[in-house]
């Protein structure tokens, strides 16, 4: 058992449904495997399941727990600050790919 810290200023969605909730309701709860620490109160860039930058979100809560199947999970609650423009998305996506995704394709 241990915690991994998300040092990057990104929040990557693996579930399209969680991302749809973000845009529809202005907030969502993202489920991540393992115990992680997200920067509560910070604004970060949200990425869709295809690694495209889509929005700026503010992390409201990061809750690590063990679920009913005895798995370590982290629930990350966030609010939508605003969607990114196509130009912002292209720049942020290119930078994140160079700095993070290229070396961490399995995450």
C-alpha atoms as a PDB file:
ATOM      1  CA  UNK A   1       0.000   0.000   0.000  1.00  0.00           C
ATOM      2  CA  UNK A   2       1.332   3.396  -0.924  1.00  0.00           C
ATOM      3  CA  UNK A   3       0.422   6.719  -2.443  1.00  0.00           C
ATOM      4  CA  UNK A   4       1.647   8.071  -5.760  1.00  0.00           C
ATOM      5  CA  UNK A   5       1.613  11.832  -6.219  1.00  0.00           C
ATOM      6  CA  UNK A   6       0.312  13.403  -9.410  1.00  0.00           C
ATOM      7  CA  UNK A   7       3.004  16.059  -9.837  1.00  0.00           C
ATOM      8  CA  UNK A   8       1.900  17.019 -13.323  1.00  0.00           C
ATOM      9  CA  UNK A   9      -0.668  19.739 -13.822  1.00  0.00           C
ATOM     10  CA  UNK A  10      -2.927  17.371 -15.712  1.00  0.00           C
ATOM     11  CA  UNK A  11      -5.973  15.247 -15.054  1.00  0.00           C
ATOM     12  CA  UNK A  12      -6.414  12.395 -17.535  1.00  0.00           C
ATOM     13  CA  UNK A  13      -9.842  10.870 -17.985  1.00  0.00           C
ATOM     14  CA  UNK A  14     -10.022   7.193 -18.881  1.00  0.00           C
ATOM     15  CA  UNK A  15     -13.837   7.216 -18.853  1.00  0.00           C
ATOM     16  CA  UNK A  16     -15.742   9.135 -21.528  1.00  0.00           C
ATOM     17  CA  UNK A  17     -18.814   9.153 -19.231  1.00  0.00           C
ATOM     18  CA  UNK A  18     -16.964  11.034 -16.473  1.00  0.00           C
ATOM     19  CA  UNK A  19     -15.793  13.601 -19.028  1.00  0.00           C
ATOM     20  CA  UNK A  20     -19.320  13.967 -20.445  1.00  0.00           C
ATOM     21  CA  UNK A  21     -20.597  14.629 -16.909  1.00  0.00           C
ATOM     22  CA  UNK A  22     -17.993  17.368 -16.524  1.00  0.00           C
ATOM     23  CA  UNK A  23     -19.243  19.229 -19.593  1.00  0.00           C
ATOM     24  CA  UNK A  24     -22.933  18.553 -18.947  1.00  0.00           C
ATOM     25  CA  UNK A  25     -23.089  19.393 -15.230  1.00  0.00           C
ATOM     26  CA  UNK A  26     -19.960  21.511 -14.733  1.00  0.00           C
ATOM     27  CA  UNK A  27     -18.562  18.985 -12.256  1.00  0.00           C
ATOM     28  CA  UNK A  28     -17.660  15.322 -12.051  1.00  0.00           C
ATOM     29  CA  UNK A  29     -16.062  12.637  -9.935  1.00  0.00           C
ATOM     30  CA  UNK A  30     -13.223  10.718 -11.572  1.00  0.00           C
ATOM     31  CA  UNK A  31     -12.227   7.250 -10.327  1.00  0.00           C
ATOM     32  CA  UNK A  32      -8.534   6.279 -10.480  1.00  0.00           C
ATOM     33  CA  UNK A  33      -6.972   2.967  -9.477  1.00  0.00           C
ATOM     34  CA  UNK A  34      -4.527   2.954  -6.568  1.00  0.00           C
ATOM     35  CA  UNK A  35      -3.946   5.529  -3.890  1.00  0.00           C
ATOM     36  CA  UNK A  36      -3.010   8.891  -5.401  1.00  0.00           C
ATOM     37  CA  UNK A  37      -2.752  12.453  -4.198  1.00  0.00           C
ATOM     38  CA  UNK A  38      -4.212  15.193  -6.392  1.00  0.00           C
ATOM     39  CA  UNK A  39      -3.563  18.913  -5.783  1.00  0.00           C
ATOM     40  CA  UNK A  40      -6.812  19.932  -4.056  1.00  0.00           C
ATOM     41  CA  UNK A  41      -7.735  23.535  -4.823  1.00  0.00           C
ATOM     42  CA  UNK A  42      -5.443  23.711  -7.865  1.00  0.00           C
ATOM     43  CA  UNK A  43      -6.474  24.293 -11.461  1.00  0.00           C
ATOM     44  CA  UNK A  44      -5.207  21.668 -13.907  1.00  0.00           C
ATOM     45  CA  UNK A  45      -5.626  20.750 -17.564  1.00  0.00           C
ATOM     46  CA  UNK A  46      -8.107  17.916 -18.230  1.00  0.00           C
ATOM     47  CA  UNK A  47      -7.346  15.411 -20.994  1.00  0.00           C
ATOM     48  CA  UNK A  48      -9.793  13.089 -22.711  1.00  0.00           C
ATOM     49  CA  UNK A  49      -9.208   9.318 -23.106  1.00  0.00           C
ATOM     50  CA  UNK A  50      -7.374  10.005 -26.415  1.00  0.00           C
ATOM     51  CA  UNK A  51      -4.859  12.309 -24.635  1.00  0.00           C
ATOM     52  CA  UNK A  52      -6.309  15.558 -26.030  1.00  0.00           C
ATOM     53  CA  UNK A  53      -6.428  18.622 -23.778  1.00  0.00           C
ATOM     54  CA  UNK A  54     -10.078  19.641 -23.428  1.00  0.00           C
ATOM     55  CA  UNK A  55     -10.613  21.875 -20.385  1.00  0.00           C
ATOM     56  CA  UNK A  56      -9.322  23.615 -17.301  1.00  0.00           C
ATOM     57  CA  UNK A  57     -10.710  22.084 -14.104  1.00  0.00           C
ATOM     58  CA  UNK A  58     -10.317  22.837 -10.416  1.00  0.00           C
ATOM     59  CA  UNK A  59      -9.710  19.885  -8.115  1.00  0.00           C
ATOM     60  CA  UNK A  60     -12.158  20.043  -5.208  1.00  0.00           C
ATOM     61  CA  UNK A  61     -11.345  16.800  -3.377  1.00  0.00           C
ATOM     62  CA  UNK A  62      -9.044  13.798  -3.597  1.00  0.00           C
ATOM     63  CA  UNK A  63     -10.365  10.854  -1.599  1.00  0.00           C
ATOM     64  CA  UNK A  64      -8.334   7.635  -1.313  1.00  0.00           C
ATOM     65  CA  UNK A  65     -10.177   4.555  -0.086  1.00  0.00           C
ATOM     66  CA  UNK A  66     -10.506   0.795  -0.318  1.00  0.00           C
ATOM     67  CA  UNK A  67     -13.687  -0.234  -2.171  1.00  0.00           C
ATOM     68  CA  UNK A  68     -15.979  -3.205  -1.516  1.00  0.00           C
ATOM     69  CA  UNK A  69     -13.839  -5.456  -3.723  1.00  0.00           C
ATOM     70  CA  UNK A  70     -10.818  -4.626  -1.507  1.00  0.00           C
ATOM     71  CA  UNK A  71      -9.189  -2.490  -4.255  1.00  0.00           C
ATOM     72  CA  UNK A  72      -7.321   0.729  -3.568  1.00  0.00           C
ATOM     73  CA  UNK A  73      -8.965   3.620  -5.440  1.00  0.00           C
ATOM     74  CA  UNK A  74      -8.900   7.395  -5.470  1.00  0.00           C
ATOM     75  CA  UNK A  75     -11.964   9.496  -6.204  1.00  0.00           C
ATOM     76  CA  UNK A  76     -11.172  12.943  -7.567  1.00  0.00           C
ATOM     77  CA  UNK A  77     -13.943  15.540  -7.466  1.00  0.00           C
ATOM     78  CA  UNK A  78     -13.583  18.542  -9.760  1.00  0.00           C
ATOM     79  CA  UNK A  79     -15.405  21.541 -11.198  1.00  0.00           C
ATOM     80  CA  UNK A  80     -15.183  22.773 -14.771  1.00  0.00           C
ATOM     81  CA  UNK A  81     -13.469  26.163 -14.976  1.00  0.00           C
ATOM     82  CA  UNK A  82     -13.812  26.408 -18.775  1.00  0.00           C
ATOM     83  CA  UNK A  83     -13.364  24.386 -21.955  1.00  0.00           C
ATOM     84  CA  UNK A  84     -10.196  25.051 -23.948  1.00  0.00           C
ATOM     85  CA  UNK A  85     -10.324  26.763 -27.332  1.00  0.00           C
ATOM     86  CA  UNK A  86      -9.137  24.673 -30.297  1.00  0.00           C
ATOM     87  CA  UNK A  87      -5.848  26.618 -30.351  1.00  0.00           C
ATOM     88  CA  UNK A  88      -5.236  26.137 -26.617  1.00  0.00           C
ATOM     89  CA  UNK A  89      -6.090  22.462 -26.922  1.00  0.00           C
ATOM     90  CA  UNK A  90      -3.599  21.940 -29.755  1.00  0.00           C
ATOM     91  CA  UNK A  91      -0.750  23.613 -27.845  1.00  0.00           C
ATOM     92  CA  UNK A  92      -1.474  21.883 -24.526  1.00  0.00           C
ATOM     93  CA  UNK A  93      -1.880  18.497 -26.227  1.00  0.00           C
ATOM     94  CA  UNK A  94       1.451  18.834 -28.045  1.00  0.00           C
ATOM     95  CA  UNK A  95       3.266  19.896 -24.873  1.00  0.00           C
ATOM     96  CA  UNK A  96       1.741  17.130 -22.743  1.00  0.00           C
ATOM     97  CA  UNK A  97       2.596  14.505 -25.341  1.00  0.00           C
ATOM     98  CA  UNK A  98       6.223  15.649 -25.401  1.00  0.00           C
ATOM     99  CA  UNK A  99       6.523  16.032 -21.621  1.00  0.00           C
ATOM    100  CA  UNK A 100       4.375  13.191 -20.322  1.00  0.00           C
ATOM    101  CA  UNK A 101       2.361  10.876 -22.570  1.00  0.00           C
ATOM    102  CA  UNK A 102       5.181   9.747 -24.852  1.00  0.00           C
ATOM    103  CA  UNK A 103       7.067   8.255 -21.903  1.00  0.00           C
ATOM    104  CA  UNK A 104       3.984   6.958 -20.074  1.00  0.00           C
ATOM    105  CA  UNK A 105       1.839   5.378 -22.793  1.00  0.00           C
ATOM    106  CA  UNK A 106       0.686   2.585 -20.460  1.00  0.00           C
ATOM    107  CA  UNK A 107      -0.838   4.992 -17.857  1.00  0.00           C
END
